[in-house]
Amino acid sequence: METLHRLEETIAARRAASPDESYVAKLNAKGLPKIAQKLGEEATETVIAGVAGSNEELVGESADLIFHLLVLLSARGVSLDHVLAELERREGLSGIEEKASRSAKE
């Protein structure tokens, strides 16, 4: 988790950089729709690697997916700790129970 927290801090710092010097700043300058689109592209590439790629390809695409998820979270002001707290809340629940609890709230 330390690696993810360091990456989160790096992404936050680079948001304020020049878009000419930082990929994170360039994505943020294009806005949330572009960040979300990029996350979707990385998700698709991860799925393809999971089905038809090598383990190395899957690892690489998974790293890209996590990176872009952290970029989106940062752009929305949502911390990794907030996401981790939600995962901890769900720990020990079956997937069926967790989905049912969400449906009951909606």
Protein backbone atom coordinates (compact mmCIF):
# COMPACT_ATOMS: atom_id res chain seq x y z
CA MET A 1 0.00 0.00 0.00
CA GLU A 2 2.91 2.36 0.55
CA THR A 3 3.57 2.37 -3.19
CA LEU A 4 -0.02 3.36 -3.93
CA HIS A 5 0.06 6.13 -1.34
CA ARG A 6 3.32 7.48 -2.77
CA LEU A 7 1.82 7.36 -6.25
CA GLU A 8 -1.26 9.21 -4.98
CA GLU A 9 0.99 11.94 -3.55
CA THR A 10 2.97 12.18 -6.80
CA ILE A 11 -0.23 12.49 -8.84
CA ALA A 12 -1.51 15.24 -6.52
CA ALA A 13 1.76 17.15 -6.86
CA ARG A 14 1.85 16.83 -10.63
CA ARG A 15 -1.70 18.11 -11.11
CA ALA A 16 -0.31 21.62 -10.57
CA ALA A 17 2.55 21.18 -13.05
CA SER A 18 2.61 22.45 -16.60
CA PRO A 19 0.69 20.24 -19.03
CA ASP A 20 3.77 20.46 -21.26
CA GLU A 21 5.86 18.79 -18.55
CA SER A 22 3.47 16.35 -16.88
CA TYR A 23 1.15 13.68 -18.26
CA VAL A 24 -1.02 13.99 -15.14
CA ALA A 25 -1.30 17.76 -15.62
CA LYS A 26 -2.11 17.26 -19.32
CA LEU A 27 -4.93 14.83 -18.47
CA ASN A 28 -6.30 17.17 -15.81
CA ALA A 29 -6.20 20.11 -18.22
CA LYS A 30 -8.46 18.14 -20.57
CA GLY A 31 -11.01 17.60 -17.79
CA LEU A 32 -12.88 14.77 -16.13
CA PRO A 33 -14.44 13.35 -19.31
CA LYS A 34 -10.98 12.78 -20.83
CA ILE A 35 -9.64 11.27 -17.59
CA ALA A 36 -12.65 8.93 -17.41
CA GLN A 37 -12.27 8.02 -21.09
CA LYS A 38 -8.62 7.13 -20.52
CA LEU A 39 -9.55 5.00 -17.51
CA GLY A 40 -12.11 3.19 -19.67
CA GLU A 41 -9.51 2.55 -22.37
CA GLU A 42 -7.12 1.12 -19.79
CA ALA A 43 -9.89 -1.06 -18.35
CA THR A 44 -10.60 -2.47 -21.80
CA GLU A 45 -6.90 -3.13 -22.40
CA THR A 46 -6.71 -4.89 -19.03
CA VAL A 47 -9.68 -7.10 -19.92
CA ILE A 48 -8.10 -8.01 -23.26
CA ALA A 49 -4.78 -8.82 -21.58
CA GLY A 50 -6.62 -10.90 -18.99
CA VAL A 51 -8.31 -12.98 -21.65
CA ALA A 52 -5.72 -13.18 -24.42
CA GLY A 53 -2.45 -11.67 -23.21
CA SER A 54 0.53 -12.92 -21.31
CA ASN A 55 0.87 -12.51 -17.57
CA GLU A 56 3.38 -9.72 -18.22
CA GLU A 57 0.86 -7.89 -20.41
CA LEU A 58 -1.80 -8.29 -17.74
CA VAL A 59 0.55 -6.90 -15.10
CA GLY A 60 1.45 -3.91 -17.27
CA GLU A 61 -2.14 -3.11 -18.17
CA SER A 62 -3.22 -3.54 -14.54
CA ALA A 63 -0.58 -1.01 -13.47
CA ASP A 64 -1.87 1.42 -16.12
CA LEU A 65 -5.45 0.88 -14.92
CA ILE A 66 -4.58 1.53 -11.27
CA PHE A 67 -2.57 4.63 -12.22
CA HIS A 68 -5.43 6.11 -14.23
CA LEU A 69 -7.94 5.26 -11.48
CA LEU A 70 -5.77 7.22 -9.04
CA VAL A 71 -5.67 10.13 -11.50
CA LEU A 72 -9.48 10.15 -11.65
CA LEU A 73 -9.83 9.87 -7.87
CA SER A 74 -7.41 12.77 -7.42
CA ALA A 75 -9.27 14.91 -9.95
CA ARG A 76 -12.49 14.30 -8.04
CA GLY A 77 -10.88 14.94 -4.64
CA VAL A 78 -11.42 11.37 -3.46
CA SER A 79 -8.57 9.84 -1.49
CA LEU A 80 -7.25 6.32 -1.81
CA ASP A 81 -7.90 5.96 1.93
CA HIS A 82 -11.59 6.61 1.30
CA VAL A 83 -11.69 3.76 -1.23
CA LEU A 84 -9.73 1.49 1.10
CA ALA A 85 -12.17 2.25 3.93
CA GLU A 86 -15.03 1.17 1.68
CA LEU A 87 -13.22 -2.08 0.87
CA GLU A 88 -12.65 -2.66 4.58
CA ARG A 89 -16.35 -2.03 5.23
CA ARG A 90 -17.21 -4.69 2.68
CA GLU A 91 -14.71 -7.22 4.03
CA GLY A 92 -16.39 -10.33 5.30
CA LEU A 93 -19.60 -9.72 3.34
CA SER A 94 -20.41 -12.02 0.49
CA GLY A 95 -20.75 -10.29 -2.85
CA ILE A 96 -24.44 -11.19 -2.86
CA GLU A 97 -24.97 -9.60 0.57
CA GLU A 98 -23.05 -6.48 -0.39
CA LYS A 99 -25.01 -5.97 -3.60
CA ALA A 100 -28.29 -6.52 -1.74
CA SER A 101 -27.36 -3.87 0.84
CA ARG A 102 -26.71 -1.37 -1.97
CA SER A 103 -30.02 -2.19 -3.66
CA ALA A 104 -31.89 -1.66 -0.41
CA LYS A 105 -30.44 1.87 -0.14
CA GLU A 106 -31.44 2.86 -3.69
